[in-house]
Amino acid sequence: MAKIEIKDASGKKVNEADLNAAVFGIEPNVHVMHTVVRAYRAAMRQGTHDTKTRGEVRGGGKKPWRLRSASPQLRFPREPQRGQARYAFRTVR
């Protein structure tokens, strides 16, 4: 059996205690200790998960600019010789 000293707050030896060899005289299993600590810490995080609502998501308000920019496009189908139109437009003169 192993003996340990019991000390008070000032560091003076107060008493001795015998430790049970079946409990304290074993070789520690590092993998089991790691698994237990991970499970404990995962249990402490329960209930802290959250998904963002529409108000918390970044962006998503009014569209800041229209899809086609104000600059002329190279494939703008309503003007002659600027690409193929998929459907007929009225020509504006």
C-alpha atoms as a PDB file:
ATOM      1  CA  MET A   1       0.000   0.000   0.000  1.00  0.00           C
ATOM      2  CA  ALA A   2       1.138   3.511  -0.747  1.00  0.00           C
ATOM      3  CA  LYS A   3       1.131   6.210   1.889  1.00  0.00           C
ATOM      4  CA  ILE A   4       0.460   9.894   1.271  1.00  0.00           C
ATOM      5  CA  GLU A   5       0.811  12.910   3.512  1.00  0.00           C
ATOM      6  CA  ILE A   6      -2.226  15.054   4.238  1.00  0.00           C
ATOM      7  CA  LYS A   7      -1.304  18.734   4.603  1.00  0.00           C
ATOM      8  CA  ASP A   8      -3.253  21.763   5.753  1.00  0.00           C
ATOM      9  CA  ALA A   9      -3.563  25.095   3.914  1.00  0.00           C
ATOM     10  CA  SER A  10      -0.254  26.377   5.256  1.00  0.00           C
ATOM     11  CA  GLY A  11       1.614  23.260   4.044  1.00  0.00           C
ATOM     12  CA  LYS A  12       2.208  21.548   7.398  1.00  0.00           C
ATOM     13  CA  LYS A  13       1.860  17.787   7.626  1.00  0.00           C
ATOM     14  CA  VAL A  14      -1.316  16.920   9.496  1.00  0.00           C
ATOM     15  CA  ASN A  15      -1.821  13.201   8.919  1.00  0.00           C
ATOM     16  CA  GLU A  16      -0.964  10.199   6.704  1.00  0.00           C
ATOM     17  CA  ALA A  17      -3.329   8.038   4.696  1.00  0.00           C
ATOM     18  CA  ASP A  18      -2.989   4.569   3.168  1.00  0.00           C
ATOM     19  CA  LEU A  19      -4.108   4.222  -0.450  1.00  0.00           C
ATOM     20  CA  ASN A  20      -5.622   1.006  -1.764  1.00  0.00           C
ATOM     21  CA  ALA A  21      -3.242  -0.649  -4.253  1.00  0.00           C
ATOM     22  CA  ALA A  22      -6.147  -2.060  -6.284  1.00  0.00           C
ATOM     23  CA  VAL A  23      -7.303   1.488  -7.047  1.00  0.00           C
ATOM     24  CA  PHE A  24      -4.137   3.604  -7.052  1.00  0.00           C
ATOM     25  CA  GLY A  25      -1.465   1.026  -7.894  1.00  0.00           C
ATOM     26  CA  ILE A  26      -2.486   0.407 -11.511  1.00  0.00           C
ATOM     27  CA  GLU A  27      -0.916   1.569 -14.757  1.00  0.00           C
ATOM     28  CA  PRO A  28      -3.113   4.378 -16.197  1.00  0.00           C
ATOM     29  CA  ASN A  29      -4.791   3.725 -19.554  1.00  0.00           C
ATOM     30  CA  VAL A  30      -4.264   6.935 -21.521  1.00  0.00           C
ATOM     31  CA  HIS A  31      -6.747   6.039 -24.267  1.00  0.00           C
ATOM     32  CA  VAL A  32      -9.580   5.442 -21.800  1.00  0.00           C
ATOM     33  CA  MET A  33      -8.798   8.685 -19.957  1.00  0.00           C
ATOM     34  CA  HIS A  34      -8.822  10.571 -23.273  1.00  0.00           C
ATOM     35  CA  THR A  35     -12.179   9.045 -24.240  1.00  0.00           C
ATOM     36  CA  VAL A  36     -13.732   9.914 -20.884  1.00  0.00           C
ATOM     37  CA  VAL A  37     -12.479  13.518 -20.986  1.00  0.00           C
ATOM     38  CA  ARG A  38     -13.792  13.961 -24.543  1.00  0.00           C
ATOM     39  CA  ALA A  39     -17.201  12.582 -23.554  1.00  0.00           C
ATOM     40  CA  TYR A  40     -17.326  14.854 -20.496  1.00  0.00           C
ATOM     41  CA  ARG A  41     -16.417  17.953 -22.485  1.00  0.00           C
ATOM     42  CA  ALA A  42     -18.919  17.065 -25.235  1.00  0.00           C
ATOM     43  CA  ALA A  43     -21.643  16.737 -22.607  1.00  0.00           C
ATOM     44  CA  MET A  44     -20.737  20.182 -21.270  1.00  0.00           C
ATOM     45  CA  ARG A  45     -21.339  21.668 -24.749  1.00  0.00           C
ATOM     46  CA  GLN A  46     -24.872  20.274 -25.028  1.00  0.00           C
ATOM     47  CA  GLY A  47     -27.452  22.977 -25.647  1.00  0.00           C
ATOM     48  CA  THR A  48     -25.044  25.585 -26.994  1.00  0.00           C
ATOM     49  CA  HIS A  49     -25.701  24.880 -30.700  1.00  0.00           C
ATOM     50  CA  ASP A  50     -27.736  27.371 -32.681  1.00  0.00           C
ATOM     51  CA  THR A  51     -28.612  28.088 -36.301  1.00  0.00           C
ATOM     52  CA  LYS A  52     -28.849  31.606 -37.625  1.00  0.00           C
ATOM     53  CA  THR A  53     -32.252  33.119 -38.321  1.00  0.00           C
ATOM     54  CA  ARG A  54     -33.049  35.329 -41.297  1.00  0.00           C
ATOM     55  CA  GLY A  55     -32.149  38.412 -39.310  1.00  0.00           C
ATOM     56  CA  GLU A  56     -28.761  37.041 -38.246  1.00  0.00           C
ATOM     57  CA  VAL A  57     -27.599  35.885 -41.668  1.00  0.00           C
ATOM     58  CA  ARG A  58     -25.183  38.283 -43.335  1.00  0.00           C
ATOM     59  CA  GLY A  59     -26.674  40.071 -46.335  1.00  0.00           C
ATOM     60  CA  GLY A  60     -29.972  39.006 -47.815  1.00  0.00           C
ATOM     61  CA  GLY A  61     -31.711  42.373 -47.812  1.00  0.00           C
ATOM     62  CA  LYS A  62     -32.622  44.424 -50.865  1.00  0.00           C
ATOM     63  CA  LYS A  63     -30.641  43.616 -53.986  1.00  0.00           C
ATOM     64  CA  PRO A  64     -27.921  46.292 -54.207  1.00  0.00           C
ATOM     65  CA  TRP A  65     -27.857  46.504 -58.031  1.00  0.00           C
ATOM     66  CA  ARG A  66     -29.769  45.063 -60.910  1.00  0.00           C
ATOM     67  CA  LEU A  67     -28.616  41.945 -62.707  1.00  0.00           C
ATOM     68  CA  ARG A  68     -27.537  43.632 -65.938  1.00  0.00           C
ATOM     69  CA  SER A  69     -25.234  46.523 -65.313  1.00  0.00           C
ATOM     70  CA  ALA A  70     -25.661  49.954 -66.862  1.00  0.00           C
ATOM     71  CA  SER A  71     -22.698  49.402 -69.163  1.00  0.00           C
ATOM     72  CA  PRO A  72     -23.532  47.926 -72.599  1.00  0.00           C
ATOM     73  CA  GLN A  73     -23.160  44.183 -72.820  1.00  0.00           C
ATOM     74  CA  LEU A  74     -21.413  42.453 -75.705  1.00  0.00           C
ATOM     75  CA  ARG A  75     -24.215  39.918 -76.074  1.00  0.00           C
ATOM     76  CA  PHE A  76     -27.177  42.178 -75.541  1.00  0.00           C
ATOM     77  CA  PRO A  77     -29.849  40.559 -77.791  1.00  0.00           C
ATOM     78  CA  ARG A  78     -32.099  43.562 -78.419  1.00  0.00           C
ATOM     79  CA  GLU A  79     -29.537  45.458 -80.452  1.00  0.00           C
ATOM     80  CA  PRO A  80     -28.509  44.399 -83.946  1.00  0.00           C
ATOM     81  CA  GLN A  81     -25.406  42.256 -84.347  1.00  0.00           C
ATOM     82  CA  ARG A  82     -24.962  41.727 -80.595  1.00  0.00           C
ATOM     83  CA  GLY A  83     -25.733  38.017 -80.256  1.00  0.00           C
ATOM     84  CA  GLN A  84     -28.752  35.846 -80.922  1.00  0.00           C
ATOM     85  CA  ALA A  85     -32.071  36.657 -79.346  1.00  0.00           C
ATOM     86  CA  ARG A  86     -34.000  33.639 -78.072  1.00  0.00           C
ATOM     87  CA  TYR A  87     -37.337  35.208 -78.821  1.00  0.00           C
ATOM     88  CA  ALA A  88     -38.469  38.065 -81.021  1.00  0.00           C
ATOM     89  CA  PHE A  89     -38.387  41.605 -79.687  1.00  0.00           C
ATOM     90  CA  ARG A  90     -40.024  44.583 -81.227  1.00  0.00           C
ATOM     91  CA  THR A  91     -37.481  46.819 -82.785  1.00  0.00           C
ATOM     92  CA  VAL A  92     -37.508  50.292 -81.325  1.00  0.00           C
ATOM     93  CA  ARG A  93     -36.775  53.002 -83.861  1.00  0.00           C
END
